[in-house]
N, C-alpha and C. Protein backbone atom coordinates (compact mmCIF):
# COMPACT_ATOMS: atom_id res chain seq x y z
N MET A 1 -26.05 8.58 10.03
CA MET A 1 -26.59 9.15 8.80
C MET A 1 -27.85 8.39 8.46
N THR A 2 -28.86 9.08 8.06
CA THR A 2 -30.11 8.44 7.68
C THR A 2 -30.02 7.95 6.25
N THR A 3 -31.00 7.15 5.86
CA THR A 3 -30.99 6.65 4.49
C THR A 3 -31.18 7.78 3.50
N SER A 4 -31.96 8.80 3.88
CA SER A 4 -32.12 9.94 2.97
C SER A 4 -30.81 10.70 2.82
N GLY A 5 -30.04 10.77 3.92
CA GLY A 5 -28.72 11.41 3.86
C GLY A 5 -27.78 10.64 2.96
N ALA A 6 -27.83 9.32 3.04
CA ALA A 6 -26.99 8.49 2.18
C ALA A 6 -27.38 8.67 0.73
N LYS A 7 -28.69 8.79 0.48
CA LYS A 7 -29.17 8.99 -0.89
C LYS A 7 -28.66 10.31 -1.45
N LYS A 8 -28.71 11.36 -0.64
CA LYS A 8 -28.21 12.67 -1.08
C LYS A 8 -26.72 12.60 -1.40
N LEU A 9 -25.98 11.90 -0.55
CA LEU A 9 -24.55 11.75 -0.79
C LEU A 9 -24.30 11.04 -2.11
N ASP A 10 -25.06 9.96 -2.36
CA ASP A 10 -24.90 9.21 -3.61
C ASP A 10 -25.24 10.08 -4.82
N GLU A 11 -26.31 10.86 -4.72
CA GLU A 11 -26.70 11.73 -5.83
C GLU A 11 -25.63 12.78 -6.09
N THR A 12 -25.08 13.35 -5.02
CA THR A 12 -24.03 14.36 -5.18
C THR A 12 -22.80 13.74 -5.83
N HIS A 13 -22.42 12.54 -5.38
CA HIS A 13 -21.26 11.86 -5.93
C HIS A 13 -21.49 11.52 -7.40
N ALA A 14 -22.68 11.11 -7.73
CA ALA A 14 -23.00 10.76 -9.12
C ALA A 14 -22.86 11.98 -10.01
N ASP A 15 -23.28 13.14 -9.54
CA ASP A 15 -23.17 14.36 -10.33
C ASP A 15 -21.71 14.76 -10.54
N SER A 16 -20.88 14.58 -9.52
CA SER A 16 -19.49 15.01 -9.61
C SER A 16 -18.66 14.07 -10.49
N SER A 17 -19.14 12.85 -10.71
CA SER A 17 -18.36 11.91 -11.51
C SER A 17 -18.86 11.83 -12.95
N ALA A 18 -19.72 12.75 -13.34
CA ALA A 18 -20.22 12.76 -14.72
C ALA A 18 -19.04 12.93 -15.67
N GLY A 19 -18.98 12.09 -16.66
CA GLY A 19 -17.89 12.16 -17.62
C GLY A 19 -16.66 11.37 -17.21
N ALA A 20 -16.69 10.75 -16.02
CA ALA A 20 -15.55 9.97 -15.57
C ALA A 20 -15.48 8.68 -16.37
N VAL A 21 -14.28 8.21 -16.61
CA VAL A 21 -14.08 6.97 -17.34
C VAL A 21 -14.37 5.80 -16.41
N ILE A 22 -15.21 4.90 -16.85
CA ILE A 22 -15.53 3.71 -16.06
C ILE A 22 -14.55 2.62 -16.45
N ARG A 23 -13.81 2.14 -15.45
CA ARG A 23 -12.81 1.11 -15.69
C ARG A 23 -13.31 -0.21 -15.14
N PRO A 24 -12.98 -1.30 -15.81
CA PRO A 24 -13.40 -2.61 -15.28
C PRO A 24 -12.64 -2.90 -13.99
N ARG A 25 -13.28 -3.56 -13.06
CA ARG A 25 -12.60 -3.96 -11.82
C ARG A 25 -11.76 -5.18 -12.09
N LEU A 26 -10.49 -5.09 -11.76
CA LEU A 26 -9.56 -6.20 -11.96
C LEU A 26 -9.16 -6.77 -10.61
N SER A 27 -8.86 -8.04 -10.59
CA SER A 27 -8.39 -8.68 -9.36
C SER A 27 -6.94 -8.26 -9.13
N ALA A 28 -6.48 -8.48 -7.91
CA ALA A 28 -5.09 -8.18 -7.58
C ALA A 28 -4.14 -8.96 -8.48
N ALA A 29 -4.46 -10.21 -8.74
CA ALA A 29 -3.61 -11.05 -9.61
C ALA A 29 -3.55 -10.47 -11.02
N GLN A 30 -4.67 -9.99 -11.53
CA GLN A 30 -4.69 -9.39 -12.88
C GLN A 30 -3.88 -8.11 -12.92
N LEU A 31 -4.00 -7.28 -11.88
CA LEU A 31 -3.22 -6.04 -11.83
C LEU A 31 -1.73 -6.33 -11.76
N LEU A 32 -1.34 -7.29 -10.95
CA LEU A 32 0.07 -7.66 -10.84
C LEU A 32 0.61 -8.22 -12.15
N ALA A 33 -0.18 -9.05 -12.82
CA ALA A 33 0.24 -9.62 -14.10
C ALA A 33 0.40 -8.52 -15.15
N ALA A 34 -0.47 -7.53 -15.14
CA ALA A 34 -0.40 -6.45 -16.11
C ALA A 34 0.87 -5.62 -15.93
N LYS A 35 1.38 -5.56 -14.71
CA LYS A 35 2.60 -4.78 -14.42
C LYS A 35 3.86 -5.63 -14.51
N ASN A 36 3.72 -6.90 -14.87
CA ASN A 36 4.86 -7.82 -14.95
C ASN A 36 5.64 -7.87 -13.64
N THR A 37 4.94 -7.89 -12.52
CA THR A 37 5.60 -7.95 -11.23
C THR A 37 6.06 -9.37 -10.94
N ARG A 38 6.97 -9.47 -10.01
CA ARG A 38 7.42 -10.78 -9.59
C ARG A 38 7.43 -10.81 -8.07
N PRO A 39 7.28 -11.98 -7.48
CA PRO A 39 7.23 -12.07 -6.02
C PRO A 39 8.55 -11.68 -5.37
N ILE A 40 8.48 -11.18 -4.16
CA ILE A 40 9.69 -10.89 -3.37
C ILE A 40 10.19 -12.22 -2.83
N ARG A 41 11.41 -12.55 -3.15
CA ARG A 41 11.97 -13.84 -2.75
C ARG A 41 12.83 -13.72 -1.50
N SER A 42 13.41 -12.53 -1.27
CA SER A 42 14.23 -12.34 -0.06
C SER A 42 14.24 -10.85 0.29
N LEU A 43 14.75 -10.55 1.47
CA LEU A 43 14.86 -9.15 1.88
C LEU A 43 15.82 -8.37 0.99
N ASP A 44 16.75 -9.07 0.37
CA ASP A 44 17.69 -8.41 -0.54
C ASP A 44 16.96 -7.77 -1.71
N ASP A 45 15.80 -8.31 -2.09
CA ASP A 45 15.01 -7.72 -3.17
C ASP A 45 14.50 -6.32 -2.80
N LEU A 46 14.40 -6.06 -1.51
CA LEU A 46 13.89 -4.77 -1.04
C LEU A 46 14.99 -3.77 -0.71
N ALA A 47 16.22 -4.22 -0.72
CA ALA A 47 17.34 -3.36 -0.34
C ALA A 47 17.53 -2.24 -1.36
N ALA A 48 17.84 -1.07 -0.82
CA ALA A 48 18.11 0.08 -1.69
C ALA A 48 19.17 0.96 -1.02
N ASP A 49 20.02 1.53 -1.81
CA ASP A 49 21.03 2.46 -1.29
C ASP A 49 20.47 3.87 -1.40
N THR A 50 19.55 4.19 -0.50
CA THR A 50 18.88 5.49 -0.54
C THR A 50 19.79 6.60 -0.05
N PHE A 51 20.55 6.33 0.99
CA PHE A 51 21.42 7.34 1.57
C PHE A 51 22.88 6.99 1.26
N GLU A 52 23.63 8.01 0.92
CA GLU A 52 25.02 7.77 0.53
C GLU A 52 25.94 7.56 1.72
N SER A 53 25.51 8.01 2.92
CA SER A 53 26.34 7.85 4.10
C SER A 53 25.46 7.73 5.34
N ASP A 54 26.09 7.29 6.43
CA ASP A 54 25.38 7.23 7.71
C ASP A 54 25.00 8.62 8.19
N ASP A 55 25.83 9.61 7.90
CA ASP A 55 25.53 10.99 8.30
C ASP A 55 24.27 11.50 7.59
N GLU A 56 24.14 11.18 6.32
CA GLU A 56 22.96 11.59 5.56
C GLU A 56 21.70 10.93 6.12
N LEU A 57 21.80 9.67 6.49
CA LEU A 57 20.69 8.96 7.10
C LEU A 57 20.32 9.60 8.43
N GLU A 58 21.30 9.89 9.27
CA GLU A 58 21.04 10.51 10.58
C GLU A 58 20.40 11.88 10.42
N GLU A 59 20.83 12.64 9.43
CA GLU A 59 20.24 13.96 9.17
C GLU A 59 18.77 13.82 8.77
N PHE A 60 18.49 12.86 7.93
CA PHE A 60 17.11 12.60 7.51
C PHE A 60 16.24 12.19 8.70
N LEU A 61 16.74 11.29 9.52
CA LEU A 61 15.98 10.83 10.68
C LEU A 61 15.72 11.95 11.67
N ALA A 62 16.73 12.81 11.91
CA ALA A 62 16.55 13.95 12.81
C ALA A 62 15.51 14.91 12.27
N PHE A 63 15.55 15.19 10.98
CA PHE A 63 14.56 16.07 10.34
C PHE A 63 13.16 15.49 10.46
N THR A 64 13.03 14.19 10.15
CA THR A 64 11.72 13.53 10.22
C THR A 64 11.17 13.57 11.63
N TYR A 65 12.00 13.27 12.61
CA TYR A 65 11.56 13.30 14.01
C TYR A 65 11.11 14.71 14.39
N ALA A 66 11.89 15.72 14.02
CA ALA A 66 11.54 17.10 14.36
C ALA A 66 10.23 17.52 13.70
N GLU A 67 10.03 17.16 12.46
CA GLU A 67 8.80 17.52 11.76
C GLU A 67 7.58 16.84 12.37
N ARG A 68 7.73 15.61 12.77
CA ARG A 68 6.60 14.87 13.36
C ARG A 68 6.22 15.41 14.73
N HIS A 69 7.17 15.99 15.44
CA HIS A 69 6.91 16.49 16.79
C HIS A 69 6.81 18.02 16.85
N ARG A 70 6.87 18.68 15.72
CA ARG A 70 6.86 20.13 15.66
C ARG A 70 5.60 20.73 16.27
N ASP A 71 4.44 20.18 15.99
CA ASP A 71 3.19 20.76 16.47
C ASP A 71 2.80 20.26 17.86
N LEU A 72 3.57 19.40 18.43
CA LEU A 72 3.25 18.87 19.76
C LEU A 72 3.74 19.77 20.88
N ALA A 73 4.68 20.64 20.58
CA ALA A 73 5.27 21.49 21.61
C ALA A 73 4.40 22.67 21.97
């Protein structure tokens, strides 16, 4: 892309963002503090009972695999 092309892109973007709210840029630490997050201390913090049974999990995995490979055939 040439510099004139980049300028056109910037001008187009500027026009499309007219009226957009400008937010201050916050650091990751500030964003985390604002959400009252806490560090992950162990893998148990990430554990969730998403599926009620092994059969439900297997059904989900089979569906996901089929969907991901649907257009490859």
